[in-house]
Amino acid sequence: MSVPDNGTARTEAVRPEAARTPVTVVGLGSMGSALAGAFVGAGHPTTVWNRTPEKATPLVALGATRASTVAEAVAASPLVVACLTTYAATFEALEPASDALAGRTLVTLNSGTPAAAREMAAWAAARGARFLDGAVKNVPPAVGRPDTLLYYAGERAVFDEYEETLRVLGGDTVHLGEEVDLAALYEQAVGGLLLPALLGFFQGSALVTARGLKARTLVPYTIKWLEMIAEQLPLMADEIDSGDYTRPLASVGIFHEVLPDELQLAEEAGVDGSWQLPMHALVARAVEAGHRDHSISALVEVLRAPRPSGA
């Protein structure tokens, strides 16, 4: 079966035995609704719950069952997927269902720190539930696509048991390891790229629109630039892992020399470039630390170093 069209989402066919697995989804924001829709579309008996019951109405129309309480929702399925904003929100939502968690598997797909993931795992274990923590690395309309990435951490046997069911949510489904906080760690480590990258695009958009040009004109060139960066990431990762920064394609010094130009252009265009100043300071610290002729990936050594007092 295919996922109902929630924009552009699609999923591959799943095995009949996976399709029969009952699933509960707790939390029906845009992402939670997309997850529930994918499960329904793939043939899973799907129970849904949200603090605002009306959010379940479109899913009920597709075939989901709306639970009147979170405890009823948890009790309905062996697999419970919680998709709320944070671990704190997940704790708060699930606390009334504590007694119903025993013998079930809880999967959390929310934002938060590795420490909070460990706390969540201990909380679930104390209530007799098995636990996986995960992250959806895409936007809601991409749920169900064969190339959509989700990764999980926790007991491998639990992941193996539900892998085909979870794969309904995205074909690129990965188990990172048994350390239960790994998904939260990678979520933070990978997700940290998003805002700086978007700010770079927004800065560029402010610059070109100040000239009366359209931000849309930047898109093809920005995509090519991001593709170039993607090609260089394996090399930079190898430099970081080896600690050898002596064969740079782009050195710290090159970046350092052009920093004044960035600020001058922003000033000329009447654009606020102050968000770049901490990055500029980081590059300057790398030069001071002797990395001028090293690869730009040597910035990781500055990030690892204690920040100077008073800085």
Protein backbone atom coordinates (compact mmCIF):
# COMPACT_ATOMS: atom_id res chain seq x y z
CA MET A 1 0.00 0.00 0.00
CA SER A 2 1.08 3.59 -0.47
CA VAL A 3 0.95 6.42 2.02
CA PRO A 4 -1.99 8.80 1.56
CA ASP A 5 -0.83 11.95 -0.17
CA ASN A 6 -0.01 14.49 2.55
CA GLY A 7 1.78 16.76 0.11
CA THR A 8 4.54 14.82 -1.56
CA ALA A 9 5.04 11.85 0.76
CA ARG A 10 5.25 8.36 -0.61
CA THR A 11 6.32 5.04 0.86
CA GLU A 12 7.37 1.67 -0.41
CA ALA A 13 5.28 -1.44 0.08
CA VAL A 14 5.87 -3.23 3.36
CA ARG A 15 5.61 -6.88 4.17
CA PRO A 16 2.16 -8.03 5.33
CA GLU A 17 3.45 -9.02 8.76
CA ALA A 18 4.80 -5.48 9.28
CA ALA A 19 1.53 -3.98 8.07
CA ARG A 20 -0.38 -5.85 10.78
CA THR A 21 1.58 -4.29 13.65
CA PRO A 22 -0.70 -1.99 15.64
CA VAL A 23 0.84 1.42 16.32
CA THR A 24 -0.09 4.33 18.54
CA VAL A 25 1.05 7.87 17.74
CA VAL A 26 1.03 10.40 20.58
CA GLY A 27 1.34 14.01 19.46
CA LEU A 28 -0.31 15.23 16.28
CA GLY A 29 1.54 18.33 15.25
CA SER A 30 2.61 18.56 11.62
CA MET A 31 5.25 15.85 12.03
CA GLY A 32 3.19 13.57 14.27
CA SER A 33 0.26 13.77 11.86
CA ALA A 34 2.56 12.86 8.97
CA LEU A 35 3.87 9.85 10.90
CA ALA A 36 0.37 8.67 11.76
CA GLY A 37 -0.76 9.15 8.17
CA ALA A 38 2.13 7.02 6.94
CA PHE A 39 1.24 4.20 9.33
CA VAL A 40 -2.43 4.30 8.32
CA GLY A 41 -1.55 4.35 4.64
CA ALA A 42 0.73 1.34 5.05
CA GLY A 43 -2.03 -0.73 6.62
CA HIS A 44 -1.19 -0.50 10.31
CA PRO A 45 -4.05 -0.37 12.81
CA THR A 46 -3.23 3.12 14.09
CA THR A 47 -4.45 4.76 17.29
CA VAL A 48 -3.84 8.47 17.74
CA TRP A 49 -4.01 10.91 20.63
CA ASN A 50 -3.42 14.62 21.02
CA ARG A 51 -4.23 17.12 23.76
CA THR A 52 -6.37 18.93 21.20
CA PRO A 53 -8.67 16.11 20.00
CA GLU A 54 -9.68 17.96 16.83
CA LYS A 55 -6.20 17.43 15.39
CA ALA A 56 -7.02 13.74 15.04
CA THR A 57 -10.07 14.32 12.84
CA PRO A 58 -8.29 14.16 9.43
CA LEU A 59 -6.51 10.97 10.51
CA VAL A 60 -9.74 9.37 11.70
CA ALA A 61 -11.15 10.10 8.26
CA LEU A 62 -8.25 8.08 6.81
CA GLY A 63 -8.91 5.14 9.13
CA ALA A 64 -7.10 5.90 12.39
CA THR A 65 -8.76 5.40 15.78
CA ARG A 66 -8.91 8.39 18.11
CA ALA A 67 -8.29 7.55 21.76
CA SER A 68 -10.08 9.63 24.36
CA THR A 69 -7.14 9.53 26.81
CA VAL A 70 -3.40 9.04 26.46
CA ALA A 71 -3.63 5.95 28.67
CA GLU A 72 -6.19 4.45 26.30
CA ALA A 73 -3.92 5.28 23.36
CA VAL A 74 -0.87 3.63 24.93
CA ALA A 75 -2.83 0.55 25.91
CA ALA A 76 -4.09 0.09 22.35
CA SER A 77 -0.77 -0.90 20.71
CA PRO A 78 2.47 -2.76 21.40
CA LEU A 79 4.39 0.04 19.65
CA VAL A 80 3.93 3.62 20.86
CA VAL A 81 5.53 6.47 18.89
CA ALA A 82 5.63 9.79 20.72
CA CYS A 83 6.26 12.85 18.57
CA LEU A 84 6.25 15.97 20.71
CA THR A 85 8.54 18.99 20.80
CA THR A 86 10.91 18.04 23.64
CA TYR A 87 11.59 15.26 26.13
CA ALA A 88 9.95 17.41 28.80
CA ALA A 89 6.78 17.59 26.71
CA THR A 90 6.93 13.83 26.17
CA PHE A 91 7.28 13.19 29.92
CA GLU A 92 4.32 15.45 30.61
CA ALA A 93 2.11 13.86 27.96
CA LEU A 94 2.89 10.25 28.88
CA GLU A 95 2.91 10.51 32.68
CA PRO A 96 -0.84 9.80 32.94
CA ALA A 97 -0.23 6.62 30.92
CA SER A 98 2.61 5.31 33.09
CA ASP A 99 0.71 2.21 34.19
CA ALA A 100 -0.14 1.30 30.59
CA LEU A 101 3.46 1.31 29.34
CA ALA A 102 4.51 -2.03 30.83
CA GLY A 103 5.35 -4.58 28.13
CA ARG A 104 5.20 -2.03 25.33
CA THR A 105 7.87 -0.41 23.19
CA LEU A 106 8.14 3.37 23.34
CA VAL A 107 9.80 5.26 20.50
CA THR A 108 10.44 8.97 20.99
CA LEU A 109 10.92 11.32 18.04
CA ASN A 110 11.52 14.72 19.59
CA SER A 111 14.28 17.27 20.09
CA GLY A 112 16.53 17.42 23.13
CA THR A 113 19.89 16.63 24.65
CA PRO A 114 21.60 13.25 25.06
CA ALA A 115 21.21 13.64 28.84
CA ALA A 116 17.45 14.03 28.42
CA ALA A 117 17.36 10.94 26.18
CA ARG A 118 19.10 8.92 28.90
CA GLU A 119 16.61 10.22 31.44
CA MET A 120 13.73 9.27 29.15
CA ALA A 121 15.13 5.76 28.69
CA ALA A 122 15.43 5.27 32.45
CA TRP A 123 11.89 6.56 32.95
CA ALA A 124 10.52 4.11 30.37
CA ALA A 125 12.49 1.19 31.81
CA ALA A 126 11.18 1.92 35.31
CA ARG A 127 7.68 1.52 33.90
CA GLY A 128 8.46 -1.78 32.21
CA ALA A 129 8.68 -0.43 28.67
CA ARG A 130 11.36 -1.09 26.07
CA PHE A 131 12.72 2.05 24.49
CA LEU A 132 14.15 3.48 21.29
CA ASP A 133 15.03 7.11 20.79
CA GLY A 134 15.05 8.51 17.27
CA ALA A 135 15.03 11.50 14.98
CA VAL A 136 13.33 12.35 11.69
CA LYS A 137 15.86 14.14 9.51
CA ASN A 138 13.45 15.75 7.09
CA VAL A 139 10.28 17.81 6.89
CA PRO A 140 6.76 16.38 7.42
CA PRO A 141 5.84 16.12 3.70
CA ALA A 142 8.87 13.85 3.20
CA VAL A 143 7.66 11.24 5.69
CA GLY A 144 7.24 7.92 3.90
CA ARG A 145 9.63 8.61 1.04
CA PRO A 146 12.21 5.92 0.27
CA ASP A 147 15.09 8.38 0.74
CA THR A 148 13.88 9.99 3.99
CA LEU A 149 16.33 9.47 6.84
CA LEU A 150 15.35 8.43 10.35
CA TYR A 151 17.85 7.14 12.84
CA TYR A 152 17.37 5.35 16.13
CA ALA A 153 19.38 4.37 19.19
CA GLY A 154 18.74 1.74 21.81
CA GLU A 155 18.62 -2.01 22.16
CA ARG A 156 19.33 -3.63 18.79
CA ALA A 157 16.87 -6.45 19.37
CA VAL A 158 14.06 -3.94 19.83
CA PHE A 159 15.04 -2.10 16.66
CA ASP A 160 15.22 -5.37 14.72
CA GLU A 161 11.76 -6.37 15.90
CA TYR A 162 10.16 -3.16 14.66
CA GLU A 163 12.47 -2.15 11.84
CA GLU A 164 10.07 -2.96 9.03
CA THR A 165 7.26 -1.12 10.78
CA LEU A 166 9.45 1.94 11.38
CA ARG A 167 10.71 1.83 7.80
CA VAL A 168 7.21 2.90 6.74
CA LEU A 169 8.22 6.36 7.93
CA GLY A 170 11.26 6.56 5.68
CA GLY A 171 13.26 4.16 3.58
CA ASP A 172 16.62 5.32 4.96
CA THR A 173 16.11 3.89 8.45
CA VAL A 174 19.30 3.46 10.49
CA HIS A 175 20.25 2.00 13.87
CA LEU A 176 23.13 4.06 15.29
CA GLY A 177 23.97 1.81 18.21
CA GLU A 178 22.81 0.51 21.58
CA GLU A 179 23.84 3.61 23.54
CA VAL A 180 20.43 5.10 23.97
CA ASP A 181 21.53 8.73 23.66
CA LEU A 182 23.19 8.38 20.25
CA ALA A 183 20.18 9.56 18.25
CA ALA A 184 19.94 12.71 20.38
CA LEU A 185 23.69 13.25 20.02
CA TYR A 186 23.58 12.94 16.24
CA GLU A 187 20.40 15.01 16.09
CA GLN A 188 22.22 17.85 17.84
CA ALA A 189 25.50 17.34 15.96
CA VAL A 190 23.87 17.25 12.52
CA GLY A 191 21.07 19.68 13.30
CA GLY A 192 23.56 22.33 14.38
CA LEU A 193 24.34 22.89 10.70
CA LEU A 194 20.83 24.03 9.84
CA LEU A 195 20.53 27.51 11.34
CA PRO A 196 24.01 28.73 10.28
CA ALA A 197 23.39 27.46 6.74
CA LEU A 198 19.99 29.13 6.58
CA LEU A 199 21.40 32.36 8.02
CA GLY A 200 24.02 32.32 5.28
CA PHE A 201 21.27 32.06 2.68
CA PHE A 202 19.20 34.75 4.40
CA GLN A 203 22.24 37.04 4.51
CA GLY A 204 22.78 36.50 0.80
CA SER A 205 19.11 37.14 0.15
CA ALA A 206 19.29 40.42 2.09
CA LEU A 207 22.30 41.47 0.02
CA VAL A 208 20.81 40.77 -3.41
CA THR A 209 17.34 42.09 -2.58
CA ALA A 210 18.99 45.30 -1.39
CA ARG A 211 20.04 45.67 -5.05
CA GLY A 212 16.50 45.07 -6.25
CA LEU A 213 17.21 41.48 -7.29
CA LYS A 214 15.14 38.43 -6.33
CA ALA A 215 16.24 35.99 -3.65
CA ARG A 216 15.07 33.26 -6.04
CA THR A 217 18.02 34.08 -8.32
CA LEU A 218 20.39 32.79 -5.61
CA VAL A 219 18.85 29.32 -5.42
CA PRO A 220 20.62 27.48 -8.27
CA TYR A 221 24.02 28.86 -7.29
CA THR A 222 23.46 28.17 -3.60
CA ILE A 223 22.53 24.57 -4.40
CA LYS A 224 25.73 24.13 -6.41
CA TRP A 225 27.71 25.64 -3.51
CA LEU A 226 26.10 23.25 -1.03
CA GLU A 227 26.88 20.33 -3.34
CA MET A 228 30.53 21.41 -3.40
CA ILE A 229 30.55 21.55 0.40
CA ALA A 230 28.99 18.10 0.55
CA GLU A 231 31.77 16.74 -1.66
CA GLN A 232 34.41 18.12 0.72
CA LEU A 233 32.90 16.84 3.97
CA PRO A 234 34.46 13.34 3.80
CA LEU A 235 37.92 14.88 3.30
CA MET A 236 37.42 17.29 6.17
CA ALA A 237 36.12 14.49 8.40
CA ASP A 238 39.26 12.49 7.63
CA GLU A 239 41.42 15.50 8.55
CA ILE A 240 39.59 15.87 11.84
CA ASP A 241 39.79 12.15 12.65
CA SER A 242 43.51 11.99 11.82
CA GLY A 243 44.43 15.38 13.28
CA ASP A 244 46.44 16.15 10.14
CA TYR A 245 45.49 19.56 8.72
CA THR A 246 48.66 20.13 6.73
CA ARG A 247 47.32 19.57 3.20
CA PRO A 248 44.57 22.14 2.94
CA LEU A 249 42.33 22.77 -0.03
CA ALA A 250 41.32 25.97 1.76
CA SER A 251 43.36 27.29 4.66
CA VAL A 252 42.34 29.14 7.79
CA GLY A 253 44.44 32.07 6.56
CA ILE A 254 42.45 32.41 3.34
CA PHE A 255 39.20 32.63 5.29
CA HIS A 256 40.75 35.08 7.72
CA GLU A 257 41.88 37.48 4.99
CA VAL A 258 38.41 37.90 3.47
CA LEU A 259 36.50 38.48 6.70
CA PRO A 260 36.75 42.30 6.53
CA ASP A 261 35.23 42.21 3.04
CA GLU A 262 32.15 40.40 4.36
CA LEU A 263 31.52 43.08 6.96
CA GLN A 264 32.20 45.90 4.52
CA LEU A 265 29.71 44.51 2.02
CA ALA A 266 27.07 44.13 4.72
CA GLU A 267 27.61 47.74 5.82
CA GLU A 268 27.38 49.03 2.24
CA ALA A 269 24.13 47.12 1.68
CA GLY A 270 22.64 48.19 5.00
CA VAL A 271 22.49 44.57 6.15
CA ASP A 272 23.13 43.44 9.73
CA GLY A 273 26.24 41.26 9.64
CA SER A 274 26.72 41.08 13.41
CA TRP A 275 25.65 37.42 13.53
CA GLN A 276 28.92 36.62 11.74
CA LEU A 277 31.19 38.21 14.36
CA PRO A 278 31.48 35.13 16.63
CA MET A 279 32.53 33.06 13.61
CA HIS A 280 35.09 35.68 12.66
CA ALA A 281 36.43 35.61 16.22
CA LEU A 282 36.76 31.84 16.01
CA VAL A 283 38.81 32.11 12.81
CA ALA A 284 41.01 34.78 14.43
CA ARG A 285 41.61 32.49 17.42
CA ALA A 286 42.65 29.72 15.02
CA VAL A 287 45.22 32.03 13.42
CA GLU A 288 46.53 33.00 16.86
CA ALA A 289 46.80 29.30 17.74
CA GLY A 290 49.10 28.68 14.76
CA HIS A 291 46.60 27.26 12.29
CA ARG A 292 46.92 29.96 9.59
CA ASP A 293 48.37 27.54 7.03
CA HIS A 294 46.25 24.59 8.10
CA SER A 295 43.01 23.38 6.59
CA ILE A 296 39.90 25.25 7.63
CA SER A 297 38.82 22.00 9.31
CA ALA A 298 41.41 22.84 12.01
CA LEU A 299 38.73 25.11 13.47
CA VAL A 300 37.53 22.00 15.27
CA GLU A 301 40.67 22.20 17.42
CA VAL A 302 39.69 25.71 18.49
CA LEU A 303 36.17 24.54 19.25
CA ARG A 304 37.62 21.78 21.43
CA ALA A 305 39.90 24.20 23.31
CA PRO A 306 38.73 26.07 26.41
CA ARG A 307 37.57 29.56 25.55
CA PRO A 308 39.97 32.27 26.78
CA SER A 309 38.82 33.84 30.05
CA GLY A 310 36.90 37.04 29.51
CA ALA A 311 36.32 36.23 25.81
